[in-house]
Every structure is written in C-alpha cells, then in structure tokens.
C-alpha cells in the first residue's frame, strides 16, 4: 500500500489545501496539536477561504518530523463519540501542515523560519514540564535544549531581521496544561534574554511587538488507533502512519486583545474558539465541572470495581452520583451563567460516556490530593458557606480518596493500596505518600485529624467535615465502600 501524500491521494470531494502561506510555527508534532489546533486551522481554511499553513518543529531529538515530511503533512483525523448504543464517527483529511523541521538535524532551517515575513503565530504544546528554563542552555547552542530556549533563539533571530518593523512580532499561543501558560512562557523568554545578555532593544521589542496568550484547551485526543489502523488504511486506500483520533467535543479559550479576532478568525468560521480579555470564566467552568466531576468519582469508582470511566457510567447509581454532584453541589455555587453551566454539564455527561475513550481510573488517580484540592474543594467550601451544611456526594468523594490512599505495601517501585486483596499503585508527591504510609494503621479519627494538620489543612477549618469524614471512613472500612455508596445513593 502506498504512503499517504498529495500524489497518492485517492479521488475524493474533501477539502485539500496543497499550497498556502506559512503563517504558523508549531512546537510539537504530537497527536494533541494535530487533533486540535491544526484541525481548527484546516477547518478555517475551508470555511473562510484562507490559505494558512503550519510549519511543525520537532521539540525533542526523537519525534515525528520524518514521518510528517514523508506524508507531506497530510493525515486523517477521526472524531469519535456518541452514546455506547449509537456510536458516531466523522473523519477529515487534514492538510494544514506544510512541513516539519527537526532542529537537532537542521538548526539553520529552524532559524530561517524567523526570516519569513508572513510568519505570525507560534503554537506550542511541549507538556507541562516543557515551560521551564535550563541553566545549561546557551544562545550559541544548535539548538538550546529547552523549548523556551529554542523560542528565545528564534525570537532573537526575528528581532535581527524585522526588529525595526511594526507588526512583525509573534502572537504566541501556549497550549501547555499549566496555569497562565502564556505568561509563564514569557517569563522564561525574558529570563533567557537577561541571562544571555541580549540588548535592551530586544527586550523592549519582546514586550511591545509580541503577544503571549494564556489559553485553555479542552478536547480528549486518543491518538493513533492501533487496533483500527489497518482497517482504516484499507478503507482510505493509502497507508497513513499519522492517523489521529479524538472526541467530537472541543473548546479553545484564548486570552488576548480584541484585534486578534481579525487575524485569527476562528470564531467567524464557526469553530469552538473564543478570544476574550479574560479566560478565567472558562477555566473555572472546566476545572470545577469536568475535572471536578472526574476527580470526584474516579477513586470511589475504582475501589468499587471500575477500571475505566465507561465502567462507572454503566452503573445507574454512579451516574446518579455524578449528576447530583455536578448539578446540585457544584453548578449552583459557581456564580457563573447558570444556563451555560448546565449546557456544559450536559456535554460533560455525554463525554464521560464516550464508548471510544478508555480513560484509565488509575491514570486519572495520579496526584489526586492536589487535584482534589484544586478541583473539588472550592465547590465544597462554597456549598458550606452558603448552606451551613456539607454536600453529601462531595464529602463521600473525599472519604473515598482517603480510603484509596490507605497504603498496604511498598517496594522500590512505589507505594500500593489494595482492592479486594490485589495491589494497585498509588502515585503522588513523595511527602504525600510518606504521610499516608506513616499513618496507614491510624484509626479513621486519627487519620482525619492528622490530615487536617498536614497534607489536607483545609479539613481543620470545618469541624463538621472532620467528623463526617471519620464516620464515613469507619463505615467504609467496616462494611465496604460499595455497601456505603449504595446506601448513600438510595437515600
């Protein structure tokens, strides 16, 4: 079977943009950006008659630049969702990528991108750890090891080429999953500029001609479909080694000035992208509803026998728990637009039940203590402050977390709890794990009290919470979490 490229494209009526203007430079060639940003650019090209193309930069030494160039940037994206009883699949041939560059093999080609006057946007998704400075990075490296170091090298070259011209700076769209991603990236660039002794004119240009945008991204990308790849390639008549899959839902909030809407007309193209002066509304909506619900149910569901989110969504009592938590204990206390929150929550319920997403609950359990504090605690506190009583499902969620962290063994590989006698890994910061190991034989009352003094000081601020947690935890250990849960949801 021939490899997918423009020459081997089968006859089809799909939109294809073979030639265009390279206006986007993208750090990251992985599944997420190809299933999210590059998809949006491709759709906007078709709907708005645009010709935007993306240059992809491979951010680490081992990557997909070679595969992308062999396919001339082309790949198929499959968006799969719907209810388990009626799954739906839509596919698109994406043609927004023009080429890929491996800066470790061709650093000059990477720097030469800065000399292209039409280049305007920089997109990145280099993982949460990608936005950090390295003391060993040098301006003369070919390239710098870190992503911010490479970006600073590119920006310095851009300044040398166009520093005296207005409008030749970049709009930087950081998609890493950290708070204030754009501003954190900007701080790194400024750090390198100072550390490398770059002139004041460059630092002023960074501030005046470049816009670093915080963004919020939301789409689950499930990546290369190993089990279905052969069948899909047979259907397409070509071999596509860059096949990508994801859920139909998508949302991108970009924090930036109003004038950006003209240069980045995603909204005008009818895409789920908003450019707003403050994206905190959308962050709060996602973190408290989607992430809060996932964190709220996942550990309890795992202890009750579920391994993936679809398992608990097949349980009517678990679905009732999730709905009660979202619609009764979270949304009424968000102080955001109620209709919008409920519409978003309706989408969340559909997304959690997507038959194509095998979300491992153990994967979700990583760093659950800090996740619970950030995603769920604000809802519990808001409920308490307004009602003078505690939200039933949310408190049970916290009790389930404490039971999940009830450690039974440890070895060189890590710490383990036990589900029906079978060990499972508990992964969190070392100090958290050491705390729960030290207190593994505590009574529920002593454990809750110790949590309130150390790893979970929030508990100590609400005496009724400590009392309820200790009672729930004792009940769970005596009767089993499934029995306690069923009784709770039957009330």
Protein backbone atom coordinates (compact mmCIF):
# COMPACT_ATOMS: atom_id res chain seq x y z
CA UNK A 1 0.00 0.00 0.00
CA UNK A 2 1.34 3.42 -0.96
CA UNK A 3 2.11 6.05 1.67
CA UNK A 4 -0.32 8.95 2.00
CA UNK A 5 0.90 12.11 0.24
CA UNK A 6 -0.51 14.53 -2.32
CA UNK A 7 0.44 12.28 -5.23
CA UNK A 8 -1.30 9.23 -3.78
CA UNK A 9 -4.47 10.97 -2.61
CA UNK A 10 -7.49 8.97 -3.71
CA UNK A 11 -10.22 10.73 -5.64
CA UNK A 12 -12.45 12.46 -3.12
CA UNK A 13 -14.57 15.53 -2.63
CA UNK A 14 -12.85 16.53 0.61
CA UNK A 15 -11.20 19.91 1.04
CA UNK A 16 -7.45 19.82 0.40
CA UNK A 17 -5.07 22.80 0.51
CA UNK A 18 -1.88 21.84 -1.27
CA UNK A 19 -0.16 25.22 -1.36
CA UNK A 20 -0.51 28.02 1.15
CA UNK A 21 1.26 30.66 3.20
CA UNK A 22 3.23 29.55 6.24
CA UNK A 23 1.83 31.76 8.99
CA UNK A 24 2.02 29.31 11.91
CA UNK A 25 5.09 27.82 13.56
CA UNK A 26 4.21 24.96 15.87
CA UNK A 27 6.42 23.49 18.59
CA UNK A 28 5.10 19.96 18.95
CA UNK A 29 4.09 17.39 16.34
CA UNK A 30 2.12 15.04 18.51
CA UNK A 31 -1.44 13.81 18.47
CA UNK A 32 -2.94 16.63 20.51
CA UNK A 33 -1.92 19.60 18.38
CA UNK A 34 -2.74 17.72 15.18
CA UNK A 35 -6.17 16.81 16.53
CA UNK A 36 -6.87 20.26 17.92
CA UNK A 37 -5.04 23.35 16.59
CA UNK A 38 -4.11 22.00 13.14
CA UNK A 39 -7.67 20.73 12.73
CA UNK A 40 -9.06 24.18 13.55
CA UNK A 41 -6.68 25.84 11.08
CA UNK A 42 -7.72 23.37 8.39
CA UNK A 43 -11.43 23.96 9.03
CA UNK A 44 -10.93 27.74 9.00
CA UNK A 45 -9.05 27.48 5.70
CA UNK A 46 -12.01 25.70 4.14
CA UNK A 47 -14.80 27.80 5.65
CA UNK A 48 -13.14 31.22 5.28
CA UNK A 49 -11.22 30.69 2.05
CA UNK A 50 -7.88 31.05 3.85
CA UNK A 51 -4.54 29.54 2.91
CA UNK A 52 -2.80 29.22 6.29
CA UNK A 53 -0.10 26.60 6.59
CA UNK A 54 1.76 25.30 9.64
CA UNK A 55 5.48 24.61 9.99
CA UNK A 56 5.93 21.95 12.64
CA UNK A 57 9.04 21.95 14.83
CA UNK A 58 10.04 18.69 16.48
CA UNK A 59 10.72 19.75 20.09
CA UNK A 60 12.87 16.80 21.17
CA UNK A 61 15.55 14.68 19.48
CA UNK A 62 13.24 11.76 18.76
CA UNK A 63 9.98 12.63 17.05
CA UNK A 64 7.71 12.59 14.03
CA UNK A 65 9.31 15.14 11.69
CA UNK A 66 10.43 12.46 9.26
CA UNK A 67 7.02 10.79 9.15
CA UNK A 68 5.27 14.13 8.66
CA UNK A 69 7.51 15.06 5.75
CA UNK A 70 7.09 11.66 4.09
CA UNK A 71 3.33 12.30 4.10
CA UNK A 72 3.77 15.96 3.11
CA UNK A 73 1.93 16.97 6.26
CA UNK A 74 -1.25 15.05 5.42
CA UNK A 75 -3.10 12.83 7.89
CA UNK A 76 -6.61 11.63 8.71
CA UNK A 77 -8.34 12.70 11.91
CA UNK A 78 -11.26 10.64 13.23
CA UNK A 79 -13.61 12.25 15.75
CA UNK A 80 -15.50 9.51 17.57
CA UNK A 81 -18.26 9.83 20.11
CA UNK A 82 -21.95 9.37 20.80
CA UNK A 83 -23.66 7.02 23.20
CA UNK A 84 -22.41 3.42 23.56
CA UNK A 85 -25.61 2.23 21.91
CA UNK A 86 -25.20 4.60 18.95
CA UNK A 87 -21.51 5.42 18.35
CA UNK A 88 -20.72 8.03 15.71
CA UNK A 89 -17.55 8.62 13.71
CA UNK A 90 -16.61 11.52 11.46
CA UNK A 91 -13.34 11.75 9.57
CA UNK A 92 -11.36 14.56 7.96
CA UNK A 93 -8.23 14.67 5.85
CA UNK A 94 -6.20 17.49 7.41
CA UNK A 95 -3.92 19.44 5.07
CA UNK A 96 -2.89 22.46 7.13
CA UNK A 97 0.69 21.29 7.80
CA UNK A 98 3.23 22.23 5.14
CA UNK A 99 6.40 20.61 6.51
CA UNK A 100 8.24 19.58 9.64
CA UNK A 101 11.67 20.63 10.86
CA UNK A 102 13.99 18.69 13.16
CA UNK A 103 16.14 21.46 14.70
CA UNK A 104 18.60 18.89 16.01
CA UNK A 105 19.43 17.85 12.44
CA UNK A 106 18.90 21.18 10.68
CA UNK A 107 19.18 24.09 13.08
CA UNK A 108 19.66 26.58 10.26
CA UNK A 109 16.32 25.62 8.71
CA UNK A 110 14.70 26.23 12.08
CA UNK A 111 16.25 29.71 12.44
CA UNK A 112 15.42 30.52 8.81
CA UNK A 113 11.73 30.41 9.72
CA UNK A 114 12.25 33.71 11.56
CA UNK A 115 13.21 35.31 8.24
CA UNK A 116 9.78 34.59 6.70
CA UNK A 117 7.87 37.90 6.90
CA UNK A 118 4.42 36.24 6.72
CA UNK A 119 5.03 34.09 9.79
CA UNK A 120 2.80 35.44 12.54
CA UNK A 121 1.70 32.78 15.04
CA UNK A 122 3.62 30.43 17.32
CA UNK A 123 1.77 27.49 18.86
CA UNK A 124 3.16 25.12 21.46
CA UNK A 125 2.29 22.01 23.41
CA UNK A 126 5.51 20.68 24.89
CA UNK A 127 3.94 19.12 28.04
CA UNK A 128 3.65 20.83 31.40
CA UNK A 129 7.37 20.33 32.07
CA UNK A 130 8.24 21.97 28.75
CA UNK A 131 7.87 25.52 30.03
CA UNK A 132 10.98 25.75 32.19
CA UNK A 133 14.45 27.24 31.97
CA UNK A 134 17.67 25.26 31.96
CA UNK A 135 20.86 26.81 33.32
CA UNK A 136 22.93 24.93 30.75
CA UNK A 137 21.15 26.48 27.73
CA UNK A 138 23.30 28.88 25.69
CA UNK A 139 22.41 31.25 22.88
CA UNK A 140 25.02 29.59 20.65
CA UNK A 141 23.57 26.10 21.15
CA UNK A 142 22.30 24.42 17.99
CA UNK A 143 19.63 24.24 19.35
CA UNK A 144 19.04 25.07 23.02
CA UNK A 145 17.78 22.04 24.92
CA UNK A 146 14.59 23.58 26.33
CA UNK A 147 11.58 24.78 24.39
CA UNK A 148 11.75 28.33 25.86
CA UNK A 149 15.43 28.38 24.94
CA UNK A 150 14.67 27.45 21.32
CA UNK A 151 11.89 30.03 21.24
CA UNK A 152 14.23 32.74 22.51
CA UNK A 153 16.77 31.85 19.82
CA UNK A 154 14.02 32.16 17.20
CA UNK A 155 12.75 35.46 18.61
CA UNK A 156 16.28 36.89 18.69
CA UNK A 157 16.68 35.98 15.01
CA UNK A 158 13.29 37.55 14.25
CA UNK A 159 14.34 40.75 16.01
CA UNK A 160 17.55 40.87 13.99
CA UNK A 161 15.55 40.54 10.77
CA UNK A 162 12.48 42.68 11.49
CA UNK A 163 13.08 44.49 14.76
CA UNK A 164 12.58 47.89 13.17
CA UNK A 165 9.24 46.99 11.53
CA UNK A 166 5.89 47.22 13.26
CA UNK A 167 3.67 44.17 13.22
CA UNK A 168 6.41 41.60 12.68
CA UNK A 169 6.40 40.20 16.20
CA UNK A 170 4.58 36.99 17.03
CA UNK A 171 1.28 36.03 18.61
CA UNK A 172 2.24 33.13 20.89
CA UNK A 173 -0.47 30.58 21.74
CA UNK A 174 0.73 28.33 24.53
CA UNK A 175 -1.36 25.16 24.93
CA UNK A 176 0.53 23.54 27.81
CA UNK A 177 -1.68 22.38 30.69
CA UNK A 178 -0.43 24.79 33.34
CA UNK A 179 -1.97 27.91 34.84
CA UNK A 180 -1.12 31.13 32.99
CA UNK A 181 0.77 29.13 30.36
CA UNK A 182 1.46 32.08 28.07
CA UNK A 183 2.73 34.32 30.84
CA UNK A 184 4.92 31.57 32.28
CA UNK A 185 6.44 31.06 28.83
CA UNK A 186 7.04 34.80 28.51
CA UNK A 187 8.84 34.82 31.87
CA UNK A 188 11.15 32.07 30.63
CA UNK A 189 11.96 34.01 27.45
CA UNK A 190 12.66 37.15 29.48
CA UNK A 191 14.92 35.10 31.77
CA UNK A 192 16.93 33.84 28.83
CA UNK A 193 17.14 37.33 27.33
CA UNK A 194 18.69 38.58 30.56
CA UNK A 195 20.87 35.54 31.14
CA UNK A 196 22.24 35.64 27.59
CA UNK A 197 22.92 39.37 27.72
CA UNK A 198 20.63 40.26 24.82
CA UNK A 199 20.25 44.02 24.31
CA UNK A 200 17.60 46.22 25.85
CA UNK A 201 16.16 46.89 22.40
CA UNK A 202 15.32 43.20 22.05
CA UNK A 203 13.67 43.11 25.47
CA UNK A 204 11.57 46.16 24.60
CA UNK A 205 10.61 44.54 21.29
CA UNK A 206 9.53 41.40 23.15
CA UNK A 207 7.15 43.49 25.24
CA UNK A 208 5.86 45.83 22.55
CA UNK A 209 5.59 43.66 19.42
CA UNK A 210 4.81 40.19 20.76
CA UNK A 211 1.69 38.88 22.48
CA UNK A 212 1.96 35.86 24.78
CA UNK A 213 -1.55 34.47 25.25
CA UNK A 214 -2.78 32.30 28.07
CA UNK A 215 -5.04 29.65 26.60
CA UNK A 216 -7.38 26.94 27.84
CA UNK A 217 -7.66 23.82 25.68
CA UNK A 218 -10.34 21.15 26.00
CA UNK A 219 -10.52 18.07 23.82
CA UNK A 220 -9.63 14.49 24.63
CA UNK A 221 -7.28 13.19 21.96
CA UNK A 222 -6.95 9.42 21.95
CA UNK A 223 -4.18 9.35 19.34
CA UNK A 224 -3.10 6.66 16.92
CA UNK A 225 -5.76 3.92 16.68
CA UNK A 226 -3.57 0.81 16.75
CA UNK A 227 -6.43 -1.67 16.68
CA UNK A 228 -8.24 0.06 13.81
CA UNK A 229 -5.29 1.40 11.79
CA UNK A 230 -5.12 -1.44 9.26
CA UNK A 231 -8.86 -1.30 8.58
CA UNK A 232 -8.88 2.49 8.24
CA UNK A 233 -5.93 2.45 5.87
CA UNK A 234 -7.65 -0.19 3.75
CA UNK A 235 -10.75 1.98 3.59
CA UNK A 236 -8.69 5.02 2.60
CA UNK A 237 -6.57 3.12 0.10
CA UNK A 238 -3.29 4.55 1.44
CA UNK A 239 -1.04 3.95 4.41
CA UNK A 240 -1.33 6.77 6.94
CA UNK A 241 1.12 6.40 9.82
CA UNK A 242 -0.11 9.65 11.35
CA UNK A 243 -3.72 8.59 11.91
CA UNK A 244 -5.18 10.51 14.82
CA UNK A 245 -8.39 10.15 16.85
CA UNK A 246 -10.24 12.26 19.38
CA UNK A 247 -13.64 13.14 20.76
CA UNK A 248 -16.02 15.42 18.83
CA UNK A 249 -16.19 17.98 21.64
CA UNK A 250 -13.62 20.76 21.51
CA UNK A 251 -13.19 24.19 23.07
CA UNK A 252 -10.34 26.68 22.99
CA UNK A 253 -10.31 29.89 25.02
CA UNK A 254 -7.57 32.36 24.09
CA UNK A 255 -6.89 35.30 26.35
CA UNK A 256 -5.97 38.16 24.06
CA UNK A 257 -6.91 41.60 22.72
CA UNK A 258 -9.99 42.20 20.59
CA UNK A 259 -7.98 42.95 17.43
CA UNK A 260 -6.70 39.36 17.39
CA UNK A 261 -10.09 38.18 16.17
CA UNK A 262 -9.35 39.67 12.75
CA UNK A 263 -6.01 37.92 12.43
CA UNK A 264 -7.30 34.65 13.89
CA UNK A 265 -10.85 34.31 12.56
CA UNK A 266 -11.75 31.01 14.18
CA UNK A 267 -14.95 32.36 15.70
CA UNK A 268 -16.05 33.78 12.35
CA UNK A 269 -15.51 30.30 10.89
CA UNK A 270 -17.99 28.88 13.40
CA UNK A 271 -15.36 26.98 15.36
CA UNK A 272 -15.50 26.47 19.16
CA UNK A 273 -12.81 29.07 19.82
CA UNK A 274 -13.21 32.30 21.77
CA UNK A 275 -10.78 35.19 22.07
CA UNK A 276 -11.53 37.03 25.28
CA UNK A 277 -9.76 39.57 27.52
CA UNK A 278 -10.05 37.20 30.49
CA UNK A 279 -10.33 33.42 30.14
CA UNK A 280 -10.83 32.71 33.87
CA UNK A 281 -14.58 32.14 33.37
CA UNK A 282 -13.90 29.20 31.04
CA UNK A 283 -11.14 27.82 33.21
CA UNK A 284 -13.43 27.82 36.24
CA UNK A 285 -16.17 26.12 34.23
CA UNK A 286 -13.88 23.33 33.02
CA UNK A 287 -11.96 22.76 36.24
CA UNK A 288 -14.94 22.76 38.57
CA UNK A 289 -17.42 20.83 36.40
CA UNK A 290 -15.49 18.47 34.10
CA UNK A 291 -12.31 17.97 36.13
CA UNK A 292 -14.16 18.22 39.43
CA UNK A 293 -16.62 15.50 38.48
CA UNK A 294 -13.88 13.20 37.18
CA UNK A 295 -11.79 13.65 40.30
CA UNK A 296 -14.88 13.37 42.48
CA UNK A 297 -16.00 9.95 41.24
CA UNK A 298 -12.86 8.22 39.95
CA UNK A 299 -11.27 6.92 43.17
CA UNK A 300 -14.55 5.72 44.64
CA UNK A 301 -15.45 4.06 41.35
CA UNK A 302 -12.08 2.31 41.18
CA UNK A 303 -12.42 0.95 44.70
CA UNK A 304 -15.89 -0.34 43.75
CA UNK A 305 -14.50 -2.32 40.80
CA UNK A 306 -14.43 0.08 37.83
CA UNK A 307 -11.24 0.32 35.78
CA UNK A 308 -12.26 2.96 33.22
CA UNK A 309 -14.79 5.79 33.21
CA UNK A 310 -17.14 3.83 30.93
CA UNK A 311 -17.46 1.22 33.69
CA UNK A 312 -18.95 3.62 36.20
CA UNK A 313 -21.06 5.34 33.55
CA UNK A 314 -22.72 1.95 33.01
CA UNK A 315 -23.77 1.92 36.69
CA UNK A 316 -27.04 3.83 37.30
CA UNK A 317 -26.10 4.69 40.89
CA UNK A 318 -22.72 6.07 39.82
CA UNK A 319 -24.39 8.16 37.13
CA UNK A 320 -26.81 9.46 39.75
CA UNK A 321 -23.84 10.34 41.96
CA UNK A 322 -22.10 12.26 39.17
CA UNK A 323 -25.27 14.10 38.22
CA UNK A 324 -26.05 15.04 41.82
CA UNK A 325 -22.51 16.24 42.38
CA UNK A 326 -22.47 18.37 39.21
CA UNK A 327 -26.00 19.77 39.11
CA UNK A 328 -26.75 20.05 42.84
CA UNK A 329 -23.41 20.52 44.57
CA UNK A 330 -21.24 22.36 42.02
CA UNK A 331 -23.20 24.44 39.48
CA UNK A 332 -25.48 26.37 41.90
CA UNK A 333 -22.41 27.73 43.72
CA UNK A 334 -20.21 28.74 40.79
CA UNK A 335 -21.70 32.24 40.43
CA UNK A 336 -21.46 31.88 36.66
CA UNK A 337 -24.13 31.85 33.95
CA UNK A 338 -26.43 29.04 35.03
CA UNK A 339 -27.74 28.13 31.57
CA UNK A 340 -24.24 27.98 30.15
CA UNK A 341 -23.02 25.87 33.07
CA UNK A 342 -25.86 23.39 32.63
CA UNK A 343 -25.32 23.15 28.89
CA UNK A 344 -21.63 22.48 29.51
CA UNK A 345 -22.52 19.90 32.16
CA UNK A 346 -24.86 18.14 29.73
CA UNK A 347 -21.91 17.84 27.34
CA UNK A 348 -19.73 16.50 30.16
CA UNK A 349 -22.20 13.68 30.83
CA UNK A 350 -22.09 12.73 27.15
CA UNK A 351 -18.29 12.93 27.06
CA UNK A 352 -17.87 10.71 30.10
CA UNK A 353 -19.98 8.09 28.32
CA UNK A 354 -18.00 8.16 25.06
CA UNK A 355 -17.52 4.49 24.04
CA UNK A 356 -14.27 5.30 22.24
CA UNK A 357 -12.46 6.72 25.27
CA UNK A 358 -10.90 4.16 27.57
CA UNK A 359 -10.00 6.50 30.42
CA UNK A 360 -7.98 4.53 32.98
CA UNK A 361 -9.04 5.45 36.50
CA UNK A 362 -5.58 4.63 37.81
CA UNK A 363 -4.14 7.11 35.32
CA UNK A 364 -6.66 9.70 36.49
CA UNK A 365 -5.67 8.96 40.11
CA UNK A 366 -2.17 10.46 39.69
CA UNK A 367 -1.59 13.26 42.25
CA UNK A 368 -5.18 13.07 43.46
CA UNK A 369 -4.57 15.02 46.67
CA UNK A 370 -3.52 18.21 44.88
CA UNK A 371 -6.14 17.64 42.17
CA UNK A 372 -8.92 17.29 44.75
CA UNK A 373 -7.83 20.49 46.49
CA UNK A 374 -7.80 22.48 43.23
CA UNK A 375 -10.84 20.98 41.52
CA UNK A 376 -13.29 19.89 44.22
CA UNK A 377 -12.50 21.70 47.45
CA UNK A 378 -13.70 25.14 46.19
CA UNK A 379 -17.12 23.62 45.45
CA UNK A 380 -17.34 22.03 48.89
CA UNK A 381 -16.39 25.30 50.55
CA UNK A 382 -18.87 27.35 48.51
CA UNK A 383 -21.67 24.90 49.34
CA UNK A 384 -20.78 25.02 53.04
CA UNK A 385 -20.61 28.80 53.18
CA UNK A 386 -24.00 29.24 51.52
CA UNK A 387 -25.94 26.42 53.19
CA UNK A 388 -24.25 25.88 56.53
CA UNK A 389 -24.15 22.16 55.79
CA UNK A 390 -21.92 19.86 53.75
CA UNK A 391 -22.56 18.41 50.27
CA UNK A 392 -23.18 14.69 50.62
CA UNK A 393 -21.57 13.43 47.40
CA UNK A 394 -18.55 15.68 47.67
CA UNK A 395 -17.81 14.60 51.24
CA UNK A 396 -18.13 10.95 50.23
CA UNK A 397 -15.67 11.65 47.42
CA UNK A 398 -13.11 12.89 49.93
CA UNK A 399 -13.66 9.87 52.18
CA UNK A 400 -13.09 7.61 49.15
CA UNK A 401 -9.84 9.46 48.47
CA UNK A 402 -8.62 8.75 51.99
CA UNK A 403 -9.53 5.10 51.57
CA UNK A 404 -7.80 4.92 48.17
CA UNK A 405 -4.65 6.26 49.88
CA UNK A 406 -4.88 3.57 52.58
CA UNK A 407 -1.49 2.03 51.83
CA UNK A 408 -0.80 -1.66 52.38
CA UNK A 409 2.70 -2.17 50.99
CA UNK A 410 5.68 -0.50 49.34
CA UNK A 411 8.78 -1.54 47.42
CA UNK A 412 11.47 0.03 45.23
CA UNK A 413 8.85 0.80 42.57
CA UNK A 414 6.45 2.67 44.84
CA UNK A 415 3.51 2.51 47.25
CA UNK A 416 0.42 0.33 46.94
CA UNK A 417 -3.13 0.16 48.15
CA UNK A 418 -5.28 -2.94 47.77
CA UNK A 419 -8.60 -3.59 46.06
CA UNK A 420 -10.09 -6.90 47.16
CA UNK A 421 -6.61 -8.02 48.14
CA UNK A 422 -4.99 -7.10 44.81
CA UNK A 423 -2.37 -4.31 44.97
CA UNK A 424 -2.73 -1.13 42.94
CA UNK A 425 -0.17 1.71 42.65
CA UNK A 426 -0.76 4.99 44.46
CA UNK A 427 1.21 7.80 42.80
CA UNK A 428 1.62 11.24 44.30
CA UNK A 429 4.28 13.57 45.64
CA UNK A 430 6.75 11.81 47.90
CA UNK A 431 5.77 13.76 51.02
CA UNK A 432 2.11 12.83 50.50
CA UNK A 433 2.93 9.15 50.07
CA UNK A 434 5.21 9.16 53.10
CA UNK A 435 2.43 10.74 55.17
CA UNK A 436 -0.10 8.06 54.27
CA UNK A 437 2.47 5.31 54.78
CA UNK A 438 3.29 6.65 58.23
CA UNK A 439 -0.42 6.78 59.15
CA UNK A 440 -1.52 3.55 57.47
CA UNK A 441 -2.51 1.96 60.79
CA UNK A 442 -4.31 5.02 62.19
CA UNK A 443 -7.95 4.87 63.20
CA UNK A 444 -10.22 6.90 60.91
CA UNK A 445 -10.49 9.63 63.54
CA UNK A 446 -6.73 9.91 64.00
CA UNK A 447 -6.08 9.82 60.24
CA UNK A 448 -8.55 12.63 59.53
CA UNK A 449 -7.13 14.70 62.38
CA UNK A 450 -3.56 14.18 61.11
CA UNK A 451 -4.63 15.05 57.55
CA UNK A 452 -6.05 18.32 58.85
CA UNK A 453 -2.71 19.12 60.45
CA UNK A 454 -0.52 18.34 57.42
CA UNK A 455 -1.43 17.23 53.89
CA UNK A 456 -5.06 18.46 53.98
CA UNK A 457 -5.15 21.51 56.28
CA UNK A 458 -8.43 22.61 54.70
CA UNK A 459 -10.22 19.90 56.69
CA UNK A 460 -9.36 21.52 60.01
CA UNK A 461 -11.29 24.66 59.11
CA UNK A 462 -14.65 22.85 59.17
CA UNK A 463 -15.08 20.68 62.31
CA UNK A 464 -18.24 19.08 60.91
CA UNK A 465 -16.27 17.90 57.89
CA UNK A 466 -13.68 16.11 60.01
CA UNK A 467 -16.47 14.42 61.96
CA UNK A 468 -18.35 13.30 58.85
CA UNK A 469 -15.17 12.08 57.13
CA UNK A 470 -14.14 9.99 60.12
CA UNK A 471 -17.61 8.44 60.32
CA UNK A 472 -17.74 7.67 56.60
CA UNK A 473 -14.24 6.23 56.58
CA UNK A 474 -15.00 3.99 59.55
CA UNK A 475 -18.19 2.83 57.84
CA UNK A 476 -16.34 2.12 54.58
CA UNK A 477 -13.71 0.03 56.37
CA UNK A 478 -16.30 -1.88 58.34
CA UNK A 479 -18.99 -2.53 55.71
CA UNK A 480 -17.16 -1.97 52.41
CA UNK A 481 -17.29 1.03 50.10
CA UNK A 482 -19.90 -0.46 47.77
CA UNK A 483 -22.37 -1.01 50.58
CA UNK A 484 -21.87 2.51 51.95
CA UNK A 485 -22.16 4.02 48.47
CA UNK A 486 -25.35 2.14 47.61
CA UNK A 487 -26.97 3.20 50.87
CA UNK A 488 -25.94 6.80 50.29
CA UNK A 489 -27.38 6.90 46.78
CA UNK A 490 -30.60 5.13 47.79
CA UNK A 491 -31.44 7.90 50.28
